[in-house]
Amino acid sequence: MGLSVLAGIGLVLVAADHIDAPAVTVNGAGTGADITDVYGFQGQNTNNLVFVANVKGLLSPMATASANFDENVLIEFNIDNNGDAVEDLVIQAIPRDGKMYFFGPTAPTATGTNSMVLTNDASGEVDITAYGSNAVVATNNGMSFFAGPRDDPFFFDLGQFQAILGGTATGFNDPGTDTFAGTNVLSVVVEVPKAMLGTSDSVNIWAEAKTKQ
């Protein structure tokens, strides 16, 4: 299936929030609209930036084996390259039939919570990696793409945090206890040449999960 198949979909999408938002919790915890974390960092190739959005947190190994990206949810990386806290560029990722399709980076049709899939700005696609398989990475036009299950990289000692809030502890332990150890997420990863993101020395990034309307 090629990228052109998405050209006729005409999706209109609305932003969601983390798991405490009603739009996310309507189908229960761990829905495809639940962004657990967003990361941006310089790539091994220092001319590139890497963007990561994780969804469907707290997956057990058993649950991970059957977890899928929601085909009604688009993940959108927003990139502000002039410091006004408004997205100047977006990168979109949307799943279809075992693949993740990517669009951008390009200027959005509109800023804010509504989006259209940028079908005229297809940048690549990748097979979604199956749980327990070697990572499948695709490249195109200097960009690299990945989508699939990963070990949750976020470290947080929830028990100690609650003890601090409850007044029975004054700080975190070193080392602490990783509350998320043994749980997984579904990750969307795209590596982009910095030259595609403008000429600014820095960028602001955030991600949104937007559901089909």
N, C-alpha and C. Protein backbone atom coordinates (compact mmCIF):
# COMPACT_ATOMS: atom_id res chain seq x y z
N MET A 1 0.85 -1.19 0.00
CA MET A 1 0.00 0.00 0.00
C MET A 1 0.88 1.23 0.00
N GLY A 2 0.69 2.14 -0.94
CA GLY A 2 1.51 3.34 -1.02
C GLY A 2 0.93 4.48 -0.23
N LEU A 3 1.69 5.55 -0.16
CA LEU A 3 1.25 6.71 0.58
C LEU A 3 0.03 7.36 -0.06
N SER A 4 -0.13 7.19 -1.35
CA SER A 4 -1.23 7.85 -2.04
C SER A 4 -2.60 7.40 -1.52
N VAL A 5 -2.65 6.28 -0.85
CA VAL A 5 -3.93 5.78 -0.36
C VAL A 5 -4.53 6.73 0.67
N LEU A 6 -3.69 7.51 1.36
CA LEU A 6 -4.19 8.43 2.38
C LEU A 6 -4.71 9.73 1.79
N ALA A 7 -4.44 9.97 0.51
CA ALA A 7 -4.80 11.26 -0.07
C ALA A 7 -6.30 11.50 -0.08
N GLY A 8 -7.08 10.43 -0.13
CA GLY A 8 -8.52 10.60 -0.20
C GLY A 8 -9.22 10.54 1.13
N ILE A 9 -8.48 10.41 2.21
CA ILE A 9 -9.13 10.23 3.50
C ILE A 9 -9.75 11.53 4.01
N GLY A 10 -9.02 12.65 3.86
CA GLY A 10 -9.55 13.94 4.28
C GLY A 10 -9.85 14.00 5.75
N LEU A 11 -8.93 13.58 6.57
CA LEU A 11 -9.16 13.55 8.01
C LEU A 11 -9.16 14.95 8.61
N VAL A 12 -10.09 15.22 9.49
CA VAL A 12 -10.05 16.38 10.36
C VAL A 12 -9.84 15.85 11.76
N LEU A 13 -8.88 16.43 12.49
CA LEU A 13 -8.47 15.84 13.76
C LEU A 13 -8.49 16.87 14.87
N VAL A 14 -8.69 16.39 16.10
CA VAL A 14 -8.78 17.24 17.28
C VAL A 14 -7.80 16.75 18.32
N ALA A 15 -7.13 17.67 19.01
CA ALA A 15 -6.08 17.31 19.96
C ALA A 15 -6.63 16.63 21.19
N ALA A 16 -5.83 15.72 21.74
CA ALA A 16 -6.12 15.10 23.03
C ALA A 16 -5.07 15.55 24.04
N ASP A 17 -5.08 14.95 25.22
CA ASP A 17 -4.13 15.29 26.26
C ASP A 17 -3.68 13.99 26.89
N HIS A 18 -2.99 14.09 28.05
CA HIS A 18 -2.54 12.87 28.72
C HIS A 18 -3.74 12.14 29.31
N ILE A 19 -3.47 11.04 30.00
CA ILE A 19 -4.52 10.11 30.42
C ILE A 19 -5.56 10.73 31.35
N ASP A 20 -5.26 11.89 31.96
CA ASP A 20 -6.23 12.51 32.85
C ASP A 20 -7.27 13.34 32.09
N ALA A 21 -7.16 13.41 30.76
CA ALA A 21 -8.12 14.19 29.99
C ALA A 21 -9.31 13.32 29.58
N PRO A 22 -10.53 13.86 29.64
CA PRO A 22 -11.71 13.05 29.28
C PRO A 22 -11.63 12.46 27.88
N ALA A 23 -11.06 13.20 26.92
CA ALA A 23 -10.99 12.70 25.55
C ALA A 23 -10.12 11.47 25.44
N VAL A 24 -9.20 11.30 26.38
CA VAL A 24 -8.30 10.15 26.37
C VAL A 24 -8.90 8.99 27.13
N THR A 25 -9.53 9.27 28.26
CA THR A 25 -9.98 8.21 29.16
C THR A 25 -11.33 7.63 28.76
N VAL A 26 -11.98 8.16 27.73
CA VAL A 26 -13.29 7.65 27.35
C VAL A 26 -13.25 6.16 27.04
N ASN A 27 -12.12 5.67 26.50
CA ASN A 27 -11.98 4.25 26.22
C ASN A 27 -11.06 3.54 27.21
N GLY A 28 -10.77 4.21 28.31
CA GLY A 28 -9.94 3.60 29.33
C GLY A 28 -8.48 3.97 29.18
N ALA A 29 -7.68 3.63 30.19
CA ALA A 29 -6.26 3.96 30.19
C ALA A 29 -5.56 3.26 29.05
N GLY A 30 -4.50 3.89 28.58
CA GLY A 30 -3.68 3.28 27.56
C GLY A 30 -4.24 3.37 26.16
N THR A 31 -5.15 4.29 25.90
CA THR A 31 -5.67 4.44 24.56
C THR A 31 -4.62 5.05 23.66
N GLY A 32 -4.87 4.97 22.35
CA GLY A 32 -3.89 5.47 21.39
C GLY A 32 -3.67 6.96 21.47
N ALA A 33 -4.57 7.69 22.12
CA ALA A 33 -4.42 9.14 22.24
C ALA A 33 -3.66 9.55 23.49
N ASP A 34 -3.23 8.59 24.29
CA ASP A 34 -2.52 8.89 25.54
C ASP A 34 -1.02 9.00 25.27
N ILE A 35 -0.53 10.23 25.16
CA ILE A 35 0.91 10.47 25.01
C ILE A 35 1.54 10.39 26.40
N THR A 36 2.46 9.45 26.59
CA THR A 36 3.10 9.34 27.90
C THR A 36 4.28 10.30 28.03
N ASP A 37 5.08 10.41 26.98
CA ASP A 37 6.25 11.29 27.01
C ASP A 37 6.62 11.73 25.60
N VAL A 38 7.32 12.86 25.53
CA VAL A 38 7.85 13.38 24.27
C VAL A 38 9.32 13.71 24.49
N TYR A 39 10.15 13.33 23.54
CA TYR A 39 11.59 13.56 23.64
C TYR A 39 12.09 14.21 22.35
N GLY A 40 13.07 15.09 22.48
CA GLY A 40 13.78 15.64 21.35
C GLY A 40 15.25 15.73 21.70
N PHE A 41 16.11 15.24 20.81
CA PHE A 41 17.54 15.25 21.11
C PHE A 41 18.34 15.18 19.81
N GLN A 42 19.59 15.55 19.91
CA GLN A 42 20.48 15.50 18.76
C GLN A 42 20.79 14.06 18.41
N GLY A 43 20.82 13.73 17.12
CA GLY A 43 21.08 12.38 16.70
C GLY A 43 22.54 12.01 16.79
N GLN A 44 22.81 10.71 16.58
CA GLN A 44 24.20 10.28 16.51
C GLN A 44 24.93 11.04 15.41
N ASN A 45 24.23 11.29 14.31
CA ASN A 45 24.69 12.24 13.31
C ASN A 45 24.30 13.62 13.83
N THR A 46 25.26 14.41 14.21
CA THR A 46 24.98 15.68 14.89
C THR A 46 24.32 16.71 13.99
N ASN A 47 24.17 16.40 12.72
CA ASN A 47 23.43 17.28 11.82
C ASN A 47 21.93 17.01 11.86
N ASN A 48 21.52 16.03 12.67
CA ASN A 48 20.11 15.63 12.73
C ASN A 48 19.53 15.85 14.12
N LEU A 49 18.21 16.00 14.17
CA LEU A 49 17.46 15.97 15.42
C LEU A 49 16.52 14.78 15.40
N VAL A 50 16.31 14.19 16.57
CA VAL A 50 15.42 13.04 16.72
C VAL A 50 14.22 13.45 17.56
N PHE A 51 13.02 13.09 17.09
CA PHE A 51 11.78 13.35 17.81
C PHE A 51 11.13 12.01 18.16
N VAL A 52 10.68 11.89 19.42
CA VAL A 52 10.06 10.65 19.89
C VAL A 52 8.77 11.00 20.62
N ALA A 53 7.70 10.30 20.28
CA ALA A 53 6.45 10.38 21.05
C ALA A 53 6.05 8.96 21.44
N ASN A 54 5.78 8.77 22.72
CA ASN A 54 5.36 7.46 23.23
C ASN A 54 3.89 7.50 23.62
N VAL A 55 3.17 6.44 23.27
CA VAL A 55 1.75 6.34 23.60
C VAL A 55 1.48 4.98 24.23
N LYS A 56 0.27 4.83 24.79
CA LYS A 56 -0.17 3.57 25.40
C LYS A 56 0.79 3.10 26.49
N GLY A 57 0.95 3.89 27.52
CA GLY A 57 1.87 3.57 28.59
C GLY A 57 1.40 2.44 29.48
N LEU A 58 2.33 1.98 30.31
CA LEU A 58 2.09 0.95 31.33
C LEU A 58 1.63 -0.37 30.73
N LEU A 59 2.15 -0.71 29.54
CA LEU A 59 1.82 -1.99 28.92
C LEU A 59 2.66 -3.10 29.55
N SER A 60 2.01 -4.15 30.00
CA SER A 60 2.74 -5.33 30.45
C SER A 60 3.28 -6.05 29.23
N PRO A 61 4.28 -6.94 29.40
CA PRO A 61 4.75 -7.71 28.24
C PRO A 61 3.62 -8.45 27.53
N MET A 62 2.68 -9.02 28.30
CA MET A 62 1.58 -9.74 27.67
C MET A 62 0.70 -8.79 26.86
N ALA A 63 0.42 -7.62 27.44
CA ALA A 63 -0.43 -6.65 26.74
C ALA A 63 0.29 -6.07 25.53
N THR A 64 1.61 -5.95 25.62
CA THR A 64 2.37 -5.37 24.51
C THR A 64 2.25 -6.22 23.26
N ALA A 65 2.19 -7.52 23.42
CA ALA A 65 2.15 -8.43 22.28
C ALA A 65 0.93 -8.18 21.40
N SER A 66 -0.16 -7.70 21.98
CA SER A 66 -1.38 -7.46 21.21
C SER A 66 -1.69 -5.97 21.03
N ALA A 67 -0.80 -5.09 21.50
CA ALA A 67 -1.04 -3.66 21.42
C ALA A 67 -0.83 -3.15 20.00
N ASN A 68 -1.68 -2.25 19.58
CA ASN A 68 -1.58 -1.67 18.25
C ASN A 68 -1.77 -0.16 18.33
N PHE A 69 -1.18 0.55 17.36
CA PHE A 69 -1.48 1.96 17.20
C PHE A 69 -2.92 2.12 16.72
N ASP A 70 -3.58 3.12 17.23
CA ASP A 70 -4.97 3.39 16.87
C ASP A 70 -5.00 4.09 15.51
N GLU A 71 -5.68 3.49 14.54
CA GLU A 71 -5.73 4.08 13.20
C GLU A 71 -6.59 5.34 13.13
N ASN A 72 -7.30 5.65 14.20
CA ASN A 72 -8.07 6.89 14.25
C ASN A 72 -7.32 8.01 14.97
N VAL A 73 -6.06 7.76 15.31
CA VAL A 73 -5.28 8.75 16.04
C VAL A 73 -4.03 9.12 15.25
N LEU A 74 -3.83 10.39 15.04
CA LEU A 74 -2.64 10.93 14.41
C LEU A 74 -1.72 11.50 15.49
N ILE A 75 -0.44 11.21 15.40
CA ILE A 75 0.55 11.83 16.29
C ILE A 75 1.20 12.96 15.53
N GLU A 76 1.21 14.15 16.11
CA GLU A 76 1.76 15.33 15.45
C GLU A 76 2.83 15.97 16.31
N PHE A 77 4.04 16.05 15.75
CA PHE A 77 5.13 16.81 16.37
C PHE A 77 5.02 18.25 15.90
N ASN A 78 4.97 19.17 16.85
CA ASN A 78 4.91 20.60 16.54
C ASN A 78 6.27 21.22 16.78
N ILE A 79 6.72 22.03 15.83
CA ILE A 79 8.05 22.62 15.90
C ILE A 79 7.93 24.13 15.75
N ASP A 80 8.32 24.85 16.77
CA ASP A 80 8.35 26.31 16.77
C ASP A 80 9.80 26.73 16.58
N ASN A 81 10.12 27.35 15.46
CA ASN A 81 11.52 27.72 15.20
C ASN A 81 11.78 29.22 15.25
N ASN A 82 10.81 30.00 15.80
CA ASN A 82 11.06 31.44 15.96
C ASN A 82 10.72 31.95 17.35
N GLY A 83 10.42 31.03 18.28
CA GLY A 83 10.26 31.40 19.68
C GLY A 83 8.95 32.02 20.06
N ASP A 84 7.91 31.93 19.20
CA ASP A 84 6.63 32.55 19.55
C ASP A 84 5.61 31.55 20.10
N ALA A 85 6.05 30.33 20.36
CA ALA A 85 5.20 29.28 20.94
C ALA A 85 4.03 28.90 20.03
N VAL A 86 4.19 29.11 18.75
CA VAL A 86 3.22 28.68 17.74
C VAL A 86 3.96 27.81 16.75
N GLU A 87 3.37 26.67 16.37
CA GLU A 87 4.07 25.76 15.48
C GLU A 87 4.28 26.37 14.10
N ASP A 88 5.52 26.35 13.64
CA ASP A 88 5.87 26.79 12.28
C ASP A 88 5.96 25.61 11.33
N LEU A 89 6.29 24.44 11.89
CA LEU A 89 6.39 23.21 11.12
C LEU A 89 5.73 22.09 11.90
N VAL A 90 5.22 21.09 11.20
CA VAL A 90 4.71 19.90 11.87
C VAL A 90 5.22 18.67 11.14
N ILE A 91 5.36 17.59 11.90
CA ILE A 91 5.60 16.26 11.36
C ILE A 91 4.47 15.38 11.86
N GLN A 92 3.78 14.73 10.95
CA GLN A 92 2.62 13.91 11.30
C GLN A 92 2.93 12.44 11.08
N ALA A 93 2.38 11.60 11.93
CA ALA A 93 2.51 10.14 11.78
C ALA A 93 1.15 9.51 11.98
N ILE A 94 0.75 8.64 11.04
CA ILE A 94 -0.56 8.00 11.14
C ILE A 94 -0.44 6.56 10.67
N PRO A 95 -1.01 5.61 11.44
CA PRO A 95 -0.89 4.19 11.09
C PRO A 95 -1.99 3.73 10.15
N ARG A 96 -1.62 2.78 9.27
CA ARG A 96 -2.58 2.12 8.40
C ARG A 96 -2.05 0.73 8.06
N ASP A 97 -2.81 -0.30 8.41
CA ASP A 97 -2.55 -1.66 7.94
C ASP A 97 -1.11 -2.10 8.18
N GLY A 98 -0.62 -1.90 9.40
CA GLY A 98 0.70 -2.40 9.77
C GLY A 98 1.86 -1.51 9.40
N LYS A 99 1.58 -0.33 8.87
CA LYS A 99 2.64 0.62 8.54
C LYS A 99 2.36 1.94 9.24
N MET A 100 3.43 2.72 9.46
CA MET A 100 3.28 4.08 9.95
C MET A 100 3.72 5.01 8.82
N TYR A 101 2.83 5.95 8.48
CA TYR A 101 3.10 6.91 7.40
C TYR A 101 3.44 8.27 8.01
N PHE A 102 4.44 8.92 7.43
CA PHE A 102 4.93 10.19 7.95
C PHE A 102 4.76 11.28 6.91
N PHE A 103 4.44 12.49 7.39
CA PHE A 103 4.26 13.66 6.53
C PHE A 103 4.98 14.85 7.17
N GLY A 104 5.64 15.65 6.35
CA GLY A 104 6.40 16.79 6.84
C GLY A 104 7.86 16.43 7.05
N PRO A 105 8.65 17.37 7.61
CA PRO A 105 8.22 18.63 8.22
C PRO A 105 7.79 19.66 7.18
N THR A 106 6.67 20.26 7.45
CA THR A 106 6.15 21.30 6.58
C THR A 106 5.23 22.20 7.39
N ALA A 107 4.91 23.36 6.84
CA ALA A 107 4.02 24.28 7.54
C ALA A 107 2.63 23.66 7.65
N PRO A 108 1.97 23.81 8.79
CA PRO A 108 0.63 23.23 8.96
C PRO A 108 -0.41 24.01 8.17
N THR A 109 -1.50 23.34 7.84
CA THR A 109 -2.60 24.05 7.19
C THR A 109 -3.27 25.02 8.15
N ALA A 110 -3.21 24.72 9.45
CA ALA A 110 -3.73 25.61 10.49
C ALA A 110 -2.99 25.29 11.78
N THR A 111 -2.85 26.26 12.65
CA THR A 111 -2.21 26.04 13.94
C THR A 111 -3.27 25.73 14.98
N GLY A 112 -2.82 25.15 16.10
CA GLY A 112 -3.75 24.86 17.19
C GLY A 112 -4.22 23.43 17.20
N THR A 113 -5.45 23.22 17.65
CA THR A 113 -5.92 21.87 17.96
C THR A 113 -6.51 21.11 16.78
N ASN A 114 -6.79 21.78 15.67
CA ASN A 114 -7.33 21.10 14.50
C ASN A 114 -6.26 20.92 13.44
N SER A 115 -6.26 19.78 12.76
CA SER A 115 -5.26 19.51 11.73
C SER A 115 -5.90 18.74 10.58
N MET A 116 -5.28 18.88 9.43
CA MET A 116 -5.56 18.02 8.29
C MET A 116 -4.30 17.22 8.00
N VAL A 117 -4.47 15.96 7.56
CA VAL A 117 -3.31 15.17 7.19
C VAL A 117 -2.67 15.78 5.96
N LEU A 118 -1.36 15.98 6.04
CA LEU A 118 -0.62 16.68 4.98
C LEU A 118 -0.23 15.71 3.88
N THR A 119 -1.24 15.22 3.15
CA THR A 119 -1.01 14.15 2.20
C THR A 119 -0.12 14.56 1.03
N ASN A 120 0.02 15.85 0.78
CA ASN A 120 0.89 16.30 -0.31
C ASN A 120 2.35 16.42 0.12
N ASP A 121 2.62 16.13 1.40
CA ASP A 121 3.98 16.28 1.92
C ASP A 121 4.45 14.98 2.55
N ALA A 122 4.19 13.86 1.88
CA ALA A 122 4.64 12.55 2.38
C ALA A 122 6.15 12.51 2.44
N SER A 123 6.68 12.05 3.57
CA SER A 123 8.13 11.99 3.74
C SER A 123 8.65 10.57 3.87
N GLY A 124 7.80 9.60 4.22
CA GLY A 124 8.27 8.23 4.33
C GLY A 124 7.27 7.34 5.01
N GLU A 125 7.59 6.07 5.05
CA GLU A 125 6.75 5.07 5.71
C GLU A 125 7.66 3.98 6.25
N VAL A 126 7.15 3.26 7.25
CA VAL A 126 7.93 2.17 7.84
C VAL A 126 6.97 1.09 8.34
N ASP A 127 7.36 -0.17 8.19
CA ASP A 127 6.58 -1.26 8.79
C ASP A 127 6.64 -1.12 10.31
N ILE A 128 5.50 -1.28 10.97
CA ILE A 128 5.47 -1.21 12.43
C ILE A 128 6.13 -2.47 12.98
N THR A 129 7.14 -2.29 13.81
CA THR A 129 7.90 -3.40 14.38
C THR A 129 7.02 -4.22 15.31
N ALA A 130 7.06 -5.52 15.16
CA ALA A 130 6.30 -6.41 16.05
C ALA A 130 7.04 -6.59 17.36
N TYR A 131 6.28 -6.81 18.43
CA TYR A 131 6.88 -7.01 19.75
C TYR A 131 7.81 -8.22 19.72
N GLY A 132 9.01 -8.06 20.24
CA GLY A 132 9.99 -9.13 20.30
C GLY A 132 10.84 -9.25 19.05
N SER A 133 10.57 -8.43 18.03
CA SER A 133 11.35 -8.47 16.79
C SER A 133 12.41 -7.38 16.79
N ASN A 134 13.41 -7.56 15.94
CA ASN A 134 14.41 -6.51 15.76
C ASN A 134 13.75 -5.26 15.19
N ALA A 135 14.25 -4.11 15.59
CA ALA A 135 13.67 -2.85 15.16
C ALA A 135 13.75 -2.70 13.65
N VAL A 136 12.62 -2.32 13.04
CA VAL A 136 12.57 -2.02 11.62
C VAL A 136 12.69 -0.51 11.45
N VAL A 137 13.71 -0.07 10.75
CA VAL A 137 13.95 1.36 10.52
C VAL A 137 13.97 1.60 9.02
N ALA A 138 13.24 2.60 8.58
CA ALA A 138 13.23 2.98 7.17
C ALA A 138 13.85 4.37 7.02
N THR A 139 14.43 4.62 5.86
CA THR A 139 15.04 5.92 5.58
C THR A 139 14.54 6.45 4.25
N ASN A 140 14.47 7.76 4.15
CA ASN A 140 14.07 8.40 2.90
C ASN A 140 14.44 9.88 2.96
N ASN A 141 15.12 10.35 1.92
CA ASN A 141 15.44 11.78 1.80
C ASN A 141 16.14 12.32 3.04
N GLY A 142 17.04 11.53 3.61
CA GLY A 142 17.81 11.96 4.77
C GLY A 142 17.11 11.79 6.09
N MET A 143 15.85 11.34 6.08
CA MET A 143 15.09 11.12 7.30
C MET A 143 15.05 9.64 7.62
N SER A 144 14.86 9.32 8.92
CA SER A 144 14.72 7.93 9.36
C SER A 144 13.46 7.80 10.20
N PHE A 145 12.84 6.60 10.13
CA PHE A 145 11.53 6.41 10.75
C PHE A 145 11.47 5.07 11.48
N PHE A 146 10.77 5.09 12.63
CA PHE A 146 10.52 3.86 13.40
C PHE A 146 9.16 3.98 14.06
N ALA A 147 8.48 2.87 14.20
CA ALA A 147 7.25 2.81 15.00
C ALA A 147 7.11 1.40 15.56
N GLY A 148 6.83 1.31 16.85
CA GLY A 148 6.65 0.00 17.46
C GLY A 148 6.87 0.03 18.95
N PRO A 149 6.78 -1.13 19.60
CA PRO A 149 6.92 -1.21 21.06
C PRO A 149 8.36 -1.04 21.51
N ARG A 150 8.52 -0.36 22.63
CA ARG A 150 9.82 -0.17 23.28
C ARG A 150 9.62 -0.22 24.79
N ASP A 151 10.70 -0.53 25.49
CA ASP A 151 10.68 -0.44 26.96
C ASP A 151 10.48 1.02 27.35
N ASP A 152 9.61 1.27 28.31
CA ASP A 152 9.35 2.65 28.73
C ASP A 152 10.62 3.26 29.30
N PRO A 153 11.17 4.32 28.68
CA PRO A 153 12.43 4.89 29.15
C PRO A 153 12.28 5.83 30.33
N PHE A 154 11.04 6.20 30.67
CA PHE A 154 10.85 7.20 31.72
C PHE A 154 11.10 6.58 33.09
N PHE A 155 11.90 7.26 33.91
CA PHE A 155 12.22 6.80 35.27
C PHE A 155 11.52 7.72 36.26
N PHE A 156 10.75 7.10 37.17
CA PHE A 156 10.12 7.89 38.23
C PHE A 156 9.85 6.98 39.41
N ASP A 157 10.20 7.46 40.59
CA ASP A 157 9.97 6.72 41.82
C ASP A 157 8.67 7.22 42.44
N LEU A 158 7.56 6.64 42.01
CA LEU A 158 6.25 7.13 42.44
C LEU A 158 6.04 6.92 43.94
N GLY A 159 6.49 5.80 44.48
CA GLY A 159 6.30 5.54 45.90
C GLY A 159 7.00 6.59 46.76
N GLN A 160 8.23 6.92 46.41
CA GLN A 160 8.97 7.92 47.17
C GLN A 160 8.35 9.30 47.00
N PHE A 161 7.88 9.59 45.81
CA PHE A 161 7.22 10.87 45.55
C PHE A 161 5.99 11.02 46.44
N GLN A 162 5.22 9.94 46.56
CA GLN A 162 4.03 9.98 47.42
C GLN A 162 4.42 10.13 48.89
N ALA A 163 5.55 9.51 49.26
CA ALA A 163 6.02 9.65 50.64
C ALA A 163 6.42 11.09 50.94
N ILE A 164 7.05 11.75 49.97
CA ILE A 164 7.42 13.15 50.14
C ILE A 164 6.18 14.01 50.30
N LEU A 165 5.19 13.77 49.44
CA LEU A 165 3.94 14.54 49.54
C LEU A 165 3.25 14.29 50.87
N GLY A 166 3.37 13.05 51.37
CA GLY A 166 2.71 12.70 52.63
C GLY A 166 3.47 13.12 53.87
N GLY A 167 4.67 13.66 53.69
CA GLY A 167 5.45 14.16 54.81
C GLY A 167 6.26 13.10 55.53
N THR A 168 6.34 11.88 54.99
CA THR A 168 7.12 10.83 55.64
C THR A 168 8.52 10.68 55.04
N ALA A 169 8.84 11.50 54.05
CA ALA A 169 10.18 11.51 53.46
C ALA A 169 10.48 12.93 53.03
N THR A 170 11.77 13.27 53.02
CA THR A 170 12.16 14.64 52.68
C THR A 170 12.80 14.74 51.30
N GLY A 171 13.10 13.62 50.66
CA GLY A 171 13.73 13.67 49.35
C GLY A 171 13.75 12.30 48.71
N PHE A 172 14.29 12.25 47.50
CA PHE A 172 14.37 11.00 46.76
C PHE A 172 15.61 10.21 47.17
N ASN A 173 15.53 8.90 47.00
CA ASN A 173 16.66 8.03 47.30
C ASN A 173 17.59 7.92 46.10
N ASP A 174 18.84 7.61 46.36
CA ASP A 174 19.83 7.39 45.31
C ASP A 174 20.53 6.06 45.56
N PRO A 175 20.20 4.99 44.82
CA PRO A 175 19.26 5.01 43.69
C PRO A 175 17.81 4.91 44.15
N GLY A 176 16.92 5.32 43.27
CA GLY A 176 15.50 5.18 43.55
C GLY A 176 14.96 3.90 42.97
N THR A 177 13.66 3.75 43.07
CA THR A 177 12.96 2.59 42.51
C THR A 177 12.21 3.01 41.26
N ASP A 178 12.47 2.33 40.16
CA ASP A 178 11.82 2.68 38.90
C ASP A 178 10.41 2.09 38.87
N THR A 179 9.42 2.95 39.10
CA THR A 179 8.03 2.50 39.12
C THR A 179 7.61 1.89 37.79
N PHE A 180 8.21 2.34 36.70
CA PHE A 180 7.79 1.89 35.37
C PHE A 180 8.62 0.72 34.85
N ALA A 181 9.49 0.17 35.67
CA ALA A 181 10.31 -0.97 35.24
C ALA A 181 9.41 -2.12 34.81
N GLY A 182 9.74 -2.73 33.67
CA GLY A 182 8.98 -3.87 33.18
C GLY A 182 7.77 -3.51 32.35
N THR A 183 7.51 -2.22 32.16
CA THR A 183 6.37 -1.82 31.34
C THR A 183 6.87 -1.23 30.02
N ASN A 184 5.99 -1.24 29.05
CA ASN A 184 6.36 -0.81 27.70
C ASN A 184 5.44 0.28 27.20
N VAL A 185 5.86 0.88 26.09
CA VAL A 185 5.08 1.89 25.39
C VAL A 185 5.13 1.57 23.90
N LEU A 186 4.28 2.23 23.12
CA LEU A 186 4.42 2.23 21.68
C LEU A 186 5.07 3.55 21.28
N SER A 187 6.16 3.47 20.52
CA SER A 187 6.96 4.64 20.19
C SER A 187 6.84 5.00 18.71
N VAL A 188 6.81 6.30 18.46
CA VAL A 188 6.93 6.85 17.11
C VAL A 188 8.19 7.70 17.10
N VAL A 189 9.12 7.37 16.19
CA VAL A 189 10.42 8.04 16.17
C VAL A 189 10.70 8.52 14.75
N VAL A 190 11.14 9.76 14.64
CA VAL A 190 11.56 10.29 13.34
C VAL A 190 12.83 11.12 13.53
N GLU A 191 13.82 10.86 12.71
CA GLU A 191 15.08 11.60 12.73
C GLU A 191 15.12 12.49 11.50
N VAL A 192 15.42 13.77 11.71
CA VAL A 192 15.27 14.77 10.66
C VAL A 192 16.56 15.60 10.56
N PRO A 193 17.06 15.86 9.34
CA PRO A 193 18.17 16.79 9.20
C PRO A 193 17.79 18.17 9.73
N LYS A 194 18.69 18.79 10.48
CA LYS A 194 18.40 20.11 11.04
C LYS A 194 18.09 21.12 9.93
N ALA A 195 18.67 20.92 8.76
CA ALA A 195 18.45 21.86 7.65
C ALA A 195 16.99 21.93 7.24
N MET A 196 16.20 20.89 7.56
CA MET A 196 14.78 20.89 7.22
C MET A 196 13.94 21.68 8.21
N LEU A 197 14.55 22.13 9.31
CA LEU A 197 13.79 22.74 10.40
C LEU A 197 13.98 24.23 10.51
N GLY A 198 14.64 24.85 9.54
CA GLY A 198 14.87 26.28 9.57
C GLY A 198 16.28 26.61 9.99
N THR A 199 16.52 27.88 10.18
CA THR A 199 17.88 28.37 10.46
C THR A 199 18.10 28.79 11.91
N SER A 200 17.11 28.63 12.76
CA SER A 200 17.25 29.02 14.16
C SER A 200 18.26 28.14 14.88
N ASP A 201 18.88 28.69 15.90
CA ASP A 201 19.83 27.91 16.71
C ASP A 201 19.11 26.95 17.66
N SER A 202 17.84 27.16 17.89
CA SER A 202 17.09 26.29 18.80
C SER A 202 15.65 26.19 18.32
N VAL A 203 14.96 25.13 18.75
CA VAL A 203 13.54 24.97 18.43
C VAL A 203 12.80 24.53 19.68
N ASN A 204 11.54 24.89 19.75
CA ASN A 204 10.64 24.37 20.77
C ASN A 204 9.80 23.27 20.13
N ILE A 205 9.61 22.17 20.85
CA ILE A 205 8.81 21.07 20.30
C ILE A 205 7.78 20.61 21.32
N TRP A 206 6.64 20.18 20.81
CA TRP A 206 5.64 19.49 21.62
C TRP A 206 4.87 18.56 20.70
N ALA A 207 4.15 17.64 21.27
CA ALA A 207 3.42 16.67 20.47
C ALA A 207 1.96 16.64 20.89
N GLU A 208 1.13 16.30 19.94
CA GLU A 208 -0.31 16.18 20.19
C GLU A 208 -0.81 14.87 19.59
N ALA A 209 -1.76 14.26 20.26
CA ALA A 209 -2.50 13.14 19.70
C ALA A 209 -3.86 13.66 19.27
N LYS A 210 -4.18 13.46 18.00
CA LYS A 210 -5.40 14.04 17.45
C LYS A 210 -6.29 12.94 16.89
N THR A 211 -7.52 12.91 17.32
CA THR A 211 -8.42 11.83 16.95
C THR A 211 -9.30 12.23 15.78
N LYS A 212 -9.60 11.26 14.93
CA LYS A 212 -10.43 11.47 13.75
C LYS A 212 -11.83 11.92 14.16
N GLN A 213 -12.34 12.91 13.47
CA GLN A 213 -13.68 13.45 13.76
C GLN A 213 -14.61 13.18 12.58
